PDB file of N, CA and C in Angstrom:
ATOM      1  N   MET A   1     -20.362  26.248  59.464  1.00  0.00           N
ATOM      2  CA  MET A   1     -20.459  24.851  59.785  1.00  0.00           C
ATOM      3  C   MET A   1     -21.059  24.033  58.652  1.00  0.00           C
ATOM      4  N   PRO A   2     -22.080  24.554  57.939  1.00  0.00           N
ATOM      5  CA  PRO A   2     -22.645  23.741  56.868  1.00  0.00           C
ATOM      6  C   PRO A   2     -21.644  23.504  55.729  1.00  0.00           C
ATOM      7  N   ARG A   3     -20.679  24.354  55.546  1.00  0.00           N
ATOM      8  CA  ARG A   3     -19.695  24.171  54.470  1.00  0.00           C
ATOM      9  C   ARG A   3     -18.555  23.261  54.908  1.00  0.00           C
ATOM     10  N   LEU A   4     -18.369  23.072  56.155  1.00  0.00           N
ATOM     11  CA  LEU A   4     -17.279  22.255  56.647  1.00  0.00           C
ATOM     12  C   LEU A   4     -17.499  20.773  56.327  1.00  0.00           C
ATOM     13  N   ILE A   5     -18.707  20.298  56.443  1.00  0.00           N
ATOM     14  CA  ILE A   5     -18.991  18.878  56.187  1.00  0.00           C
ATOM     15  C   ILE A   5     -18.776  18.534  54.712  1.00  0.00           C
ATOM     16  N   PRO A   6     -19.311  19.283  53.729  1.00  0.00           N
ATOM     17  CA  PRO A   6     -19.024  18.957  52.325  1.00  0.00           C
ATOM     18  C   PRO A   6     -17.545  19.084  51.984  1.00  0.00           C
ATOM     19  N   LEU A   7     -16.875  20.037  52.606  1.00  0.00           N
ATOM     20  CA  LEU A   7     -15.453  20.205  52.368  1.00  0.00           C
ATOM     21  C   LEU A   7     -14.674  18.990  52.868  1.00  0.00           C
ATOM     22  N   LEU A   8     -14.990  18.530  54.057  1.00  0.00           N
ATOM     23  CA  LEU A   8     -14.325  17.337  54.592  1.00  0.00           C
ATOM     24  C   LEU A   8     -14.678  16.092  53.780  1.00  0.00           C
ATOM     25  N   ALA A   9     -15.919  15.975  53.330  1.00  0.00           N
ATOM     26  CA  ALA A   9     -16.339  14.834  52.519  1.00  0.00           C
ATOM     27  C   ALA A   9     -15.599  14.848  51.175  1.00  0.00           C
ATOM     28  N   GLY A  10     -15.486  16.012  50.564  1.00  0.00           N
ATOM     29  CA  GLY A  10     -14.757  16.124  49.303  1.00  0.00           C
ATOM     30  C   GLY A  10     -13.294  15.794  49.465  1.00  0.00           C
ATOM     31  N   LEU A  11     -12.710  16.245  50.558  1.00  0.00           N
ATOM     32  CA  LEU A  11     -11.307  15.942  50.840  1.00  0.00           C
ATOM     33  C   LEU A  11     -11.107  14.448  51.070  1.00  0.00           C
ATOM     34  N   LEU A  12     -12.054  13.827  51.763  1.00  0.00           N
ATOM     35  CA  LEU A  12     -11.987  12.393  52.006  1.00  0.00           C
ATOM     36  C   LEU A  12     -12.113  11.607  50.696  1.00  0.00           C
ATOM     37  N   VAL A  13     -13.034  12.012  49.832  1.00  0.00           N
ATOM     38  CA  VAL A  13     -13.209  11.339  48.530  1.00  0.00           C
ATOM     39  C   VAL A  13     -11.963  11.528  47.675  1.00  0.00           C
ATOM     40  N   ALA A  14     -11.406  12.728  47.635  1.00  0.00           N
ATOM     41  CA  ALA A  14     -10.211  12.980  46.835  1.00  0.00           C
ATOM     42  C   ALA A  14      -9.035  12.150  47.333  1.00  0.00           C
ATOM     43  N   THR A  15      -8.927  12.006  48.644  1.00  0.00           N
ATOM     44  CA  THR A  15      -7.854  11.189  49.213  1.00  0.00           C
ATOM     45  C   THR A  15      -8.036   9.728  48.833  1.00  0.00           C
ATOM     46  N   GLY A  16      -9.265   9.243  48.901  1.00  0.00           N
ATOM     47  CA  GLY A  16      -9.543   7.852  48.532  1.00  0.00           C
ATOM     48  C   GLY A  16      -9.269   7.574  47.062  1.00  0.00           C
ATOM     49  N   VAL A  17      -9.687   8.497  46.201  1.00  0.00           N
ATOM     50  CA  VAL A  17      -9.448   8.329  44.765  1.00  0.00           C
ATOM     51  C   VAL A  17      -7.954   8.359  44.468  1.00  0.00           C
ATOM     52  N   THR A  18      -7.229   9.258  45.104  1.00  0.00           N
ATOM     53  CA  THR A  18      -5.785   9.345  44.907  1.00  0.00           C
ATOM     54  C   THR A  18      -5.092   8.077  45.373  1.00  0.00           C
ATOM     55  N   TYR A  19      -5.525   7.537  46.502  1.00  0.00           N
ATOM     56  CA  TYR A  19      -4.938   6.303  47.031  1.00  0.00           C
ATOM     57  C   TYR A  19      -5.187   5.133  46.077  1.00  0.00           C
ATOM     58  N   GLU A  20      -6.431   5.013  45.574  1.00  0.00           N
ATOM     59  CA  GLU A  20      -6.757   3.936  44.629  1.00  0.00           C
ATOM     60  C   GLU A  20      -5.982   4.097  43.326  1.00  0.00           C
ATOM     61  N   PHE A  21      -5.856   5.324  42.864  1.00  0.00           N
ATOM     62  CA  PHE A  21      -5.102   5.587  41.632  1.00  0.00           C
ATOM     63  C   PHE A  21      -3.640   5.183  41.808  1.00  0.00           C
ATOM     64  N   ARG A  22      -3.068   5.519  42.978  1.00  0.00           N
ATOM     65  CA  ARG A  22      -1.686   5.150  43.276  1.00  0.00           C
ATOM     66  C   ARG A  22      -1.526   3.632  43.284  1.00  0.00           C
ATOM     67  N   ASN A  23      -2.446   2.917  43.934  1.00  0.00           N
ATOM     68  CA  ASN A  23      -2.384   1.448  43.962  1.00  0.00           C
ATOM     69  C   ASN A  23      -2.526   0.856  42.558  1.00  0.00           C
ATOM     70  N   HIS A  24      -3.399   1.447  41.774  1.00  0.00           N
ATOM     71  CA  HIS A  24      -3.601   0.978  40.395  1.00  0.00           C
ATOM     72  C   HIS A  24      -2.336   1.184  39.563  1.00  0.00           C
ATOM     73  N   MET A  25      -1.686   2.322  39.729  1.00  0.00           N
ATOM     74  CA  MET A  25      -0.446   2.593  38.986  1.00  0.00           C
ATOM     75  C   MET A  25       0.663   1.632  39.404  1.00  0.00           C
ATOM     76  N   ILE A  26       0.773   1.353  40.689  1.00  0.00           N
ATOM     77  CA  ILE A  26       1.801   0.427  41.172  1.00  0.00           C
ATOM     78  C   ILE A  26       1.553  -0.972  40.622  1.00  0.00           C
ATOM     79  N   SER A  27       0.295  -1.412  40.624  1.00  0.00           N
ATOM     80  CA  SER A  27       0.008  -2.756  40.095  1.00  0.00           C
ATOM     81  C   SER A  27       0.255  -2.811  38.587  1.00  0.00           C
ATOM     82  N   ASN A  28      -0.048  -1.723  37.860  1.00  0.00           N
ATOM     83  CA  ASN A  28       0.237  -1.696  36.419  1.00  0.00           C
ATOM     84  C   ASN A  28       1.738  -1.760  36.164  1.00  0.00           C
ATOM     85  N   GLN A  29       2.519  -1.047  36.969  1.00  0.00           N
ATOM     86  CA  GLN A  29       3.972  -1.101  36.810  1.00  0.00           C
ATOM     87  C   GLN A  29       4.488  -2.507  37.065  1.00  0.00           C
ATOM     88  N   ASN A  30       3.939  -3.163  38.069  1.00  0.00           N
ATOM     89  CA  ASN A  30       4.356  -4.535  38.361  1.00  0.00           C
ATOM     90  C   ASN A  30       3.982  -5.472  37.221  1.00  0.00           C
ATOM     91  N   ASN A  31       2.796  -5.287  36.637  1.00  0.00           N
ATOM     92  CA  ASN A  31       2.387  -6.123  35.501  1.00  0.00           C
ATOM     93  C   ASN A  31       3.310  -5.902  34.304  1.00  0.00           C
ATOM     94  N   ILE A  32       3.682  -4.659  34.077  1.00  0.00           N
ATOM     95  CA  ILE A  32       4.580  -4.353  32.960  1.00  0.00           C
ATOM     96  C   ILE A  32       5.953  -4.971  33.198  1.00  0.00           C
ATOM     97  N   LYS A  33       6.455  -4.853  34.428  1.00  0.00           N
ATOM     98  CA  LYS A  33       7.753  -5.461  34.745  1.00  0.00           C
ATOM     99  C   LYS A  33       7.715  -6.971  34.569  1.00  0.00           C
ATOM    100  N   GLN A  34       6.619  -7.618  35.008  1.00  0.00           N
ATOM    101  CA  GLN A  34       6.493  -9.058  34.838  1.00  0.00           C
ATOM    102  C   GLN A  34       6.449  -9.431  33.360  1.00  0.00           C
ATOM    103  N   GLY A  35       5.747  -8.629  32.553  1.00  0.00           N
ATOM    104  CA  GLY A  35       5.688  -8.883  31.118  1.00  0.00           C
ATOM    105  C   GLY A  35       7.050  -8.759  30.466  1.00  0.00           C
ATOM    106  N   VAL A  36       7.808  -7.756  30.862  1.00  0.00           N
ATOM    107  CA  VAL A  36       9.151  -7.561  30.302  1.00  0.00           C
ATOM    108  C   VAL A  36      10.060  -8.719  30.702  1.00  0.00           C
ATOM    109  N   GLU A  37       9.996  -9.116  31.968  1.00  0.00           N
ATOM    110  CA  GLU A  37      10.814 -10.248  32.422  1.00  0.00           C
ATOM    111  C   GLU A  37      10.427 -11.525  31.699  1.00  0.00           C
ATOM    112  N   SER A  38       9.134 -11.721  31.477  1.00  0.00           N
ATOM    113  CA  SER A  38       8.673 -12.903  30.746  1.00  0.00           C
ATOM    114  C   SER A  38       9.188 -12.888  29.309  1.00  0.00           C
ATOM    115  N   ALA A  39       9.158 -11.727  28.687  1.00  0.00           N
ATOM    116  CA  ALA A  39       9.660 -11.619  27.315  1.00  0.00           C
ATOM    117  C   ALA A  39      11.161 -11.868  27.268  1.00  0.00           C
ATOM    118  N   LYS A  40      11.890 -11.335  28.248  1.00  0.00           N
ATOM    119  CA  LYS A  40      13.338 -11.569  28.295  1.00  0.00           C
ATOM    120  C   LYS A  40      13.645 -13.044  28.454  1.00  0.00           C
ATOM    121  N   SER A  41      12.923 -13.717  29.342  1.00  0.00           N
ATOM    122  CA  SER A  41      13.195 -15.144  29.546  1.00  0.00           C
ATOM    123  C   SER A  41      12.814 -15.946  28.300  1.00  0.00           C
ATOM    124  N   THR A  42      11.756 -15.564  27.624  1.00  0.00           N
ATOM    125  CA  THR A  42      11.371 -16.256  26.385  1.00  0.00           C
ATOM    126  C   THR A  42      12.443 -16.071  25.325  1.00  0.00           C
ATOM    127  N   ILE A  43      12.972 -14.875  25.193  1.00  0.00           N
ATOM    128  CA  ILE A  43      14.035 -14.618  24.209  1.00  0.00           C
ATOM    129  C   ILE A  43      15.296 -15.391  24.569  1.00  0.00           C
ATOM    130  N   ASP A  44      15.625 -15.406  25.860  1.00  0.00           N
ATOM    131  CA  ASP A  44      16.808 -16.155  26.284  1.00  0.00           C
ATOM    132  C   ASP A  44      16.653 -17.644  25.984  1.00  0.00           C
ATOM    133  N   ARG A  45      15.461 -18.187  26.247  1.00  0.00           N
ATOM    134  CA  ARG A  45      15.230 -19.606  25.946  1.00  0.00           C
ATOM    135  C   ARG A  45      15.281 -19.862  24.444  1.00  0.00           C
ATOM    136  N   ALA A  46      14.757 -18.938  23.673  1.00  0.00           N
ATOM    137  CA  ALA A  46      14.740 -19.130  22.223  1.00  0.00           C
ATOM    138  C   ALA A  46      16.141 -19.077  21.639  1.00  0.00           C
ATOM    139  N   THR A  47      16.994 -18.243  22.201  1.00  0.00           N
ATOM    140  CA  THR A  47      18.349 -18.128  21.655  1.00  0.00           C
ATOM    141  C   THR A  47      19.268 -19.227  22.151  1.00  0.00           C
ATOM    142  N   THR A  48      18.957 -19.833  23.291  1.00  0.00           N
ATOM    143  CA  THR A  48      19.832 -20.888  23.807  1.00  0.00           C
ATOM    144  C   THR A  48      19.456 -22.266  23.288  1.00  0.00           C
ATOM    145  N   THR A  49      18.227 -22.465  22.847  1.00  0.00           N
ATOM    146  CA  THR A  49      17.822 -23.775  22.339  1.00  0.00           C
ATOM    147  C   THR A  49      18.314 -23.955  20.908  1.00  0.00           C
ATOM    148  N   GLU A  50      18.273 -25.185  20.452  1.00  0.00           N
ATOM    149  CA  GLU A  50      18.687 -25.491  19.079  1.00  0.00           C
ATOM    150  C   GLU A  50      17.734 -24.827  18.091  1.00  0.00           C
ATOM    151  N   PRO A  51      18.257 -24.286  17.018  1.00  0.00           N
ATOM    152  CA  PRO A  51      17.369 -23.667  16.030  1.00  0.00           C
ATOM    153  C   PRO A  51      16.533 -24.726  15.321  1.00  0.00           C
ATOM    154  N   HIS A  52      15.343 -24.337  14.981  1.00  0.00           N
ATOM    155  CA  HIS A  52      14.439 -25.254  14.300  1.00  0.00           C
ATOM    156  C   HIS A  52      14.801 -25.349  12.827  1.00  0.00           C
ATOM    157  N   ILE A  53      14.474 -26.453  12.227  1.00  0.00           N
ATOM    158  CA  ILE A  53      14.761 -26.661  10.809  1.00  0.00           C
ATOM    159  C   ILE A  53      13.773 -25.862   9.947  1.00  0.00           C
ATOM    160  N   ARG A  54      12.581 -25.666  10.415  1.00  0.00           N
ATOM    161  CA  ARG A  54      11.513 -25.070   9.616  1.00  0.00           C
ATOM    162  C   ARG A  54      11.804 -23.638   9.152  1.00  0.00           C
ATOM    163  N   PRO A  55      12.294 -22.718   9.978  1.00  0.00           N
ATOM    164  CA  PRO A  55      12.513 -21.353   9.492  1.00  0.00           C
ATOM    165  C   PRO A  55      13.501 -21.274   8.335  1.00  0.00           C
ATOM    166  N   SER A  56      14.512 -22.120   8.335  1.00  0.00           N
ATOM    167  CA  SER A  56      15.455 -22.066   7.230  1.00  0.00           C
ATOM    168  C   SER A  56      14.794 -22.512   5.934  1.00  0.00           C
ATOM    169  N   SER A  57      13.812 -23.421   6.026  1.00  0.00           N
ATOM    170  CA  SER A  57      13.123 -23.824   4.803  1.00  0.00           C
ATOM    171  C   SER A  57      12.273 -22.678   4.267  1.00  0.00           C
ATOM    172  N   TYR A  58      11.713 -21.848   5.163  1.00  0.00           N
ATOM    173  CA  TYR A  58      10.997 -20.664   4.702  1.00  0.00           C
ATOM    174  C   TYR A  58      11.943 -19.747   3.935  1.00  0.00           C
ATOM    175  N   ILE A  59      13.126 -19.572   4.465  1.00  0.00           N
ATOM    176  CA  ILE A  59      14.103 -18.704   3.807  1.00  0.00           C
ATOM    177  C   ILE A  59      14.495 -19.289   2.460  1.00  0.00           C
ATOM    178  N   SER A  60      14.756 -20.589   2.419  1.00  0.00           N
ATOM    179  CA  SER A  60      15.137 -21.189   1.145  1.00  0.00           C
ATOM    180  C   SER A  60      13.982 -21.143   0.152  1.00  0.00           C
ATOM    181  N   ASP A  61      12.730 -21.315   0.641  1.00  0.00           N
ATOM    182  CA  ASP A  61      11.576 -21.191  -0.249  1.00  0.00           C
ATOM    183  C   ASP A  61      11.474 -19.781  -0.806  1.00  0.00           C
ATOM    184  N   SER A  62      11.730 -18.789   0.044  1.00  0.00           N
ATOM    185  CA  SER A  62      11.681 -17.399  -0.415  1.00  0.00           C
ATOM    186  C   SER A  62      12.782 -17.115  -1.417  1.00  0.00           C
ATOM    187  N   GLN A  63      13.975 -17.623  -1.148  1.00  0.00           N
ATOM    188  CA  GLN A  63      15.076 -17.425  -2.085  1.00  0.00           C
ATOM    189  C   GLN A  63      14.767 -18.092  -3.421  1.00  0.00           C
ATOM    190  N   ARG A  64      14.210 -19.271  -3.366  1.00  0.00           N
ATOM    191  CA  ARG A  64      13.867 -19.986  -4.594  1.00  0.00           C
ATOM    192  C   ARG A  64      12.800 -19.219  -5.372  1.00  0.00           C
ATOM    193  N   TYR A  65      11.801 -18.688  -4.675  1.00  0.00           N
ATOM    194  CA  TYR A  65      10.758 -17.914  -5.350  1.00  0.00           C
ATOM    195  C   TYR A  65      11.338 -16.681  -6.023  1.00  0.00           C
ATOM    196  N   VAL A  66      12.199 -15.968  -5.299  1.00  0.00           N
ATOM    197  CA  VAL A  66      12.796 -14.761  -5.875  1.00  0.00           C
ATOM    198  C   VAL A  66      13.629 -15.113  -7.094  1.00  0.00           C
ATOM    199  N   LYS A  67      14.433 -16.180  -6.996  1.00  0.00           N
ATOM    200  CA  LYS A  67      15.327 -16.542  -8.093  1.00  0.00           C
ATOM    201  C   LYS A  67      14.562 -17.101  -9.292  1.00  0.00           C
ATOM    202  N   ASP A  68      13.568 -17.952  -9.041  1.00  0.00           N
ATOM    203  CA  ASP A  68      12.896 -18.650 -10.136  1.00  0.00           C
ATOM    204  C   ASP A  68      11.696 -17.910 -10.716  1.00  0.00           C
ATOM    205  N   ARG A  69      10.987 -17.122  -9.891  1.00  0.00           N
ATOM    206  CA  ARG A  69       9.758 -16.510 -10.373  1.00  0.00           C
ATOM    207  C   ARG A  69       9.810 -14.993 -10.451  1.00  0.00           C
ATOM    208  N   LEU A  70      10.269 -14.357  -9.384  1.00  0.00           N
ATOM    209  CA  LEU A  70      10.193 -12.905  -9.310  1.00  0.00           C
ATOM    210  C   LEU A  70      11.188 -12.230 -10.235  1.00  0.00           C
ATOM    211  N   VAL A  71      12.439 -12.637 -10.175  1.00  0.00           N
ATOM    212  CA  VAL A  71      13.467 -11.989 -10.998  1.00  0.00           C
ATOM    213  C   VAL A  71      13.174 -12.155 -12.490  1.00  0.00           C
ATOM    214  N   PRO A  72      12.841 -13.353 -12.967  1.00  0.00           N
ATOM    215  CA  PRO A  72      12.527 -13.454 -14.394  1.00  0.00           C
ATOM    216  C   PRO A  72      11.316 -12.622 -14.807  1.00  0.00           C
ATOM    217  N   SER A  73      10.283 -12.559 -13.970  1.00  0.00           N
ATOM    218  CA  SER A  73       9.109 -11.783 -14.360  1.00  0.00           C
ATOM    219  C   SER A  73       9.424 -10.289 -14.373  1.00  0.00           C
ATOM    220  N   VAL A  74      10.206  -9.814 -13.404  1.00  0.00           N
ATOM    221  CA  VAL A  74      10.601  -8.402 -13.402  1.00  0.00           C
ATOM    222  C   VAL A  74      11.486  -8.115 -14.601  1.00  0.00           C
ATOM    223  N   LYS A  75      12.404  -9.029 -14.893  1.00  0.00           N
ATOM    224  CA  LYS A  75      13.296  -8.848 -16.035  1.00  0.00           C
ATOM    225  C   LYS A  75      12.500  -8.817 -17.337  1.00  0.00           C
ATOM    226  N   GLU A  76      11.529  -9.704 -17.456  1.00  0.00           N
ATOM    227  CA  GLU A  76      10.710  -9.738 -18.674  1.00  0.00           C
ATOM    228  C   GLU A  76       9.897  -8.452 -18.819  1.00  0.00           C
ATOM    229  N   THR A  77       9.326  -7.979 -17.727  1.00  0.00           N
ATOM    230  CA  THR A  77       8.553  -6.736 -17.767  1.00  0.00           C
ATOM    231  C   THR A  77       9.451  -5.558 -18.130  1.00  0.00           C
ATOM    232  N   TRP A  78      10.630  -5.516 -17.548  1.00  0.00           N
ATOM    233  CA  TRP A  78      11.586  -4.442 -17.847  1.00  0.00           C
ATOM    234  C   TRP A  78      11.961  -4.478 -19.323  1.00  0.00           C
ATOM    235  N   ASN A  79      12.290  -5.653 -19.840  1.00  0.00           N
ATOM    236  CA  ASN A  79      12.676  -5.770 -21.240  1.00  0.00           C
ATOM    237  C   ASN A  79      11.537  -5.353 -22.160  1.00  0.00           C
ATOM    238  N   THR A  80      10.317  -5.720 -21.818  1.00  0.00           N
ATOM    239  CA  THR A  80       9.162  -5.336 -22.635  1.00  0.00           C
ATOM    240  C   THR A  80       8.999  -3.819 -22.656  1.00  0.00           C
ATOM    241  N   GLN A  81       9.142  -3.189 -21.510  1.00  0.00           N
ATOM    242  CA  GLN A  81       9.000  -1.735 -21.451  1.00  0.00           C
ATOM    243  C   GLN A  81      10.106  -1.033 -22.245  1.00  0.00           C
ATOM    244  N   VAL A  82      11.319  -1.525 -22.148  1.00  0.00           N
ATOM    245  CA  VAL A  82      12.424  -0.927 -22.895  1.00  0.00           C
ATOM    246  C   VAL A  82      12.199  -1.097 -24.392  1.00  0.00           C
ATOM    247  N   MET A  83      11.763  -2.276 -24.807  1.00  0.00           N
ATOM    248  CA  MET A  83      11.497  -2.511 -26.236  1.00  0.00           C
ATOM    249  C   MET A  83      10.379  -1.605 -26.738  1.00  0.00           C
ATOM    250  N   ASN A  84       9.314  -1.445 -25.938  1.00  0.00           N
ATOM    251  CA  ASN A  84       8.211  -0.568 -26.347  1.00  0.00           C
ATOM    252  C   ASN A  84       8.667   0.878 -26.463  1.00  0.00           C
ATOM    253  N   ALA A  85       9.484   1.341 -25.533  1.00  0.00           N
ATOM    254  CA  ALA A  85       9.994   2.710 -25.600  1.00  0.00           C
ATOM    255  C   ALA A  85      10.888   2.906 -26.816  1.00  0.00           C
ATOM    256  N   ALA A  86      11.729   1.927 -27.115  1.00  0.00           N
ATOM    257  CA  ALA A  86      12.608   2.029 -28.278  1.00  0.00           C
ATOM    258  C   ALA A  86      11.799   2.035 -29.575  1.00  0.00           C
ATOM    259  N   GLN A  87      10.792   1.178 -29.664  1.00  0.00           N
ATOM    260  CA  GLN A  87       9.959   1.153 -30.869  1.00  0.00           C
ATOM    261  C   GLN A  87       9.199   2.463 -31.032  1.00  0.00           C
ATOM    262  N   TYR A  88       8.717   3.037 -29.936  1.00  0.00           N
ATOM    263  CA  TYR A  88       8.018   4.315 -30.023  1.00  0.00           C
ATOM    264  C   TYR A  88       8.960   5.415 -30.495  1.00  0.00           C
ATOM    265  N   ALA A  89      10.191   5.403 -30.002  1.00  0.00           N
ATOM    266  CA  ALA A  89      11.157   6.424 -30.413  1.00  0.00           C
ATOM    267  C   ALA A  89      11.492   6.289 -31.896  1.00  0.00           C
ATOM    268  N   VAL A  90      11.578   5.070 -32.384  1.00  0.00           N
ATOM    269  CA  VAL A  90      11.883   4.857 -33.802  1.00  0.00           C
ATOM    270  C   VAL A  90      10.710   5.299 -34.668  1.00  0.00           C
ATOM    271  N   LYS A  91       9.495   4.964 -34.249  1.00  0.00           N
ATOM    272  CA  LYS A  91       8.311   5.274 -35.053  1.00  0.00           C
ATOM    273  C   LYS A  91       7.879   6.733 -34.927  1.00  0.00           C
ATOM    274  N   ALA A  92       8.380   7.460 -33.946  1.00  0.00           N
ATOM    275  CA  ALA A  92       7.882   8.800 -33.654  1.00  0.00           C
ATOM    276  C   ALA A  92       8.297   9.836 -34.686  1.00  0.00           C
ATOM    277  N   ASP A  93       9.378   9.633 -35.446  1.00  0.00           N
ATOM    278  CA  ASP A  93       9.882  10.604 -36.415  1.00  0.00           C
ATOM    279  C   ASP A  93      10.101  11.946 -35.721  1.00  0.00           C
ATOM    280  N   ILE A  94      11.014  11.932 -34.796  1.00  0.00           N
ATOM    281  CA  ILE A  94      11.285  13.080 -33.941  1.00  0.00           C
ATOM    282  C   ILE A  94      11.770  14.283 -34.750  1.00  0.00           C
ATOM    283  N   GLY A  95      12.531  14.046 -35.800  1.00  0.00           N
ATOM    284  CA  GLY A  95      13.064  15.155 -36.597  1.00  0.00           C
ATOM    285  C   GLY A  95      11.980  16.031 -37.190  1.00  0.00           C
ATOM    286  N   SER A  96      10.987  15.435 -37.815  1.00  0.00           N
ATOM    287  CA  SER A  96       9.932  16.249 -38.428  1.00  0.00           C
ATOM    288  C   SER A  96       9.076  16.938 -37.361  1.00  0.00           C
ATOM    289  N   LYS A  97       8.863  16.258 -36.225  1.00  0.00           N
ATOM    290  CA  LYS A  97       8.080  16.889 -35.158  1.00  0.00           C
ATOM    291  C   LYS A  97       8.829  18.063 -34.548  1.00  0.00           C
ATOM    292  N   MET A  98      10.136  17.926 -34.377  1.00  0.00           N
ATOM    293  CA  MET A  98      10.930  19.034 -33.842  1.00  0.00           C
ATOM    294  C   MET A  98      10.945  20.208 -34.817  1.00  0.00           C
ATOM    295  N   GLY A  99      11.036  19.902 -36.119  1.00  0.00           N
ATOM    296  CA  GLY A  99      11.009  20.973 -37.113  1.00  0.00           C
ATOM    297  C   GLY A  99       9.687  21.713 -37.091  1.00  0.00           C
ATOM    298  N   ALA A 100       8.581  20.971 -36.989  1.00  0.00           N
ATOM    299  CA  ALA A 100       7.267  21.613 -36.932  1.00  0.00           C
ATOM    300  C   ALA A 100       7.118  22.433 -35.651  1.00  0.00           C
ATOM    301  N   LEU A 101       7.618  21.920 -34.547  1.00  0.00           N
ATOM    302  CA  LEU A 101       7.549  22.646 -33.286  1.00  0.00           C
ATOM    303  C   LEU A 101       8.382  23.928 -33.358  1.00  0.00           C
ATOM    304  N   TRP A 102       9.575  23.834 -33.926  1.00  0.00           N
ATOM    305  CA  TRP A 102      10.443  25.012 -34.082  1.00  0.00           C
ATOM    306  C   TRP A 102       9.758  26.060 -34.944  1.00  0.00           C
ATOM    307  N   GLU A 103       9.193  25.610 -36.026  1.00  0.00           N
ATOM    308  CA  GLU A 103       8.519  26.516 -36.957  1.00  0.00           C
ATOM    309  C   GLU A 103       7.317  27.172 -36.283  1.00  0.00           C
ATOM    310  N   ASP A 104       6.532  26.387 -35.583  1.00  0.00           N
ATOM    311  CA  ASP A 104       5.296  26.882 -34.979  1.00  0.00           C
ATOM    312  C   ASP A 104       5.560  27.820 -33.808  1.00  0.00           C
ATOM    313  N   LYS A 105       6.431  27.433 -32.914  1.00  0.00           N
ATOM    314  CA  LYS A 105       6.608  28.199 -31.680  1.00  0.00           C
ATOM    315  C   LYS A 105       7.676  29.292 -31.793  1.00  0.00           C
ATOM    316  N   VAL A 106       8.838  28.938 -32.282  1.00  0.00           N
ATOM    317  CA  VAL A 106       9.951  29.874 -32.242  1.00  0.00           C
ATOM    318  C   VAL A 106       9.895  30.866 -33.407  1.00  0.00           C
ATOM    319  N   VAL A 107       9.820  30.361 -34.620  1.00  0.00           N
ATOM    320  CA  VAL A 107       9.880  31.239 -35.798  1.00  0.00           C
ATOM    321  C   VAL A 107       8.687  32.175 -35.831  1.00  0.00           C
ATOM    322  N   ASN A 108       7.495  31.658 -35.537  1.00  0.00           N
ATOM    323  CA  ASN A 108       6.307  32.519 -35.565  1.00  0.00           C
ATOM    324  C   ASN A 108       6.378  33.595 -34.487  1.00  0.00           C
ATOM    325  N   ASN A 109       6.881  33.268 -33.312  1.00  0.00           N
ATOM    326  CA  ASN A 109       7.003  34.272 -32.244  1.00  0.00           C
ATOM    327  C   ASN A 109       8.043  35.330 -32.598  1.00  0.00           C
ATOM    328  N   VAL A 110       9.132  34.920 -33.224  1.00  0.00           N
ATOM    329  CA  VAL A 110      10.145  35.891 -33.632  1.00  0.00           C
ATOM    330  C   VAL A 110       9.575  36.827 -34.698  1.00  0.00           C
ATOM    331  N   LYS A 111       8.834  36.285 -35.644  1.00  0.00           N
ATOM    332  CA  LYS A 111       8.218  37.119 -36.683  1.00  0.00           C
ATOM    333  C   LYS A 111       7.242  38.115 -36.073  1.00  0.00           C
ATOM    334  N   GLU A 112       6.454  37.666 -35.098  1.00  0.00           N
ATOM    335  CA  GLU A 112       5.498  38.582 -34.449  1.00  0.00           C
ATOM    336  C   GLU A 112       6.221  39.703 -33.713  1.00  0.00           C
ATOM    337  N   MET A 113       7.339  39.366 -33.049  1.00  0.00           N
ATOM    338  CA  MET A 113       8.085  40.380 -32.323  1.00  0.00           C
ATOM    339  C   MET A 113       8.689  41.404 -33.298  1.00  0.00           C
ATOM    340  N   ILE A 114       9.152  40.955 -34.455  1.00  0.00           N
ATOM    341  CA  ILE A 114       9.736  41.856 -35.425  1.00  0.00           C
ATOM    342  C   ILE A 114       8.661  42.749 -36.016  1.00  0.00           C
ATOM    343  N   ASN A 115       7.480  42.204 -36.290  1.00  0.00           N
ATOM    344  CA  ASN A 115       6.398  42.986 -36.888  1.00  0.00           C
ATOM    345  C   ASN A 115       5.845  44.015 -35.913  1.00  0.00           C
ATOM    346  N   ARG A 116       5.918  43.783 -34.602  1.00  0.00           N
ATOM    347  CA  ARG A 116       5.424  44.744 -33.619  1.00  0.00           C
ATOM    348  C   ARG A 116       6.316  45.977 -33.537  1.00  0.00           C
ATOM    349  N   LYS A 117       7.576  45.842 -33.815  1.00  0.00           N
ATOM    350  CA  LYS A 117       8.502  46.963 -33.705  1.00  0.00           C
ATOM    351  C   LYS A 117       8.433  47.784 -34.912  1.00  0.00           C
TER     352      LYS A 117
END
């Protein structure tokens, strides 16, 4: 008998919590549905009304910025980098460096291999 009362009390509490949780979930679903319907109606109103003049000016401002400022600056930076790379290649004297590298790495290693045998 002493265990029956706590068992019934626990069952009653679990039932109450489950019922409240169910009601909370139903109200959350209703809130979500209302939010979705509100968003749909807002989108429908936005697409059926006349378009505003202001957004197109943002687009034209962006196009003007890209054409007048961004493209020339990127082009100038690209040209500078290409010119610097070309000047470095001309000044580097690749032929003598390749000859020294060949002499140092390849010829010396071949000589060592021949001397070991």
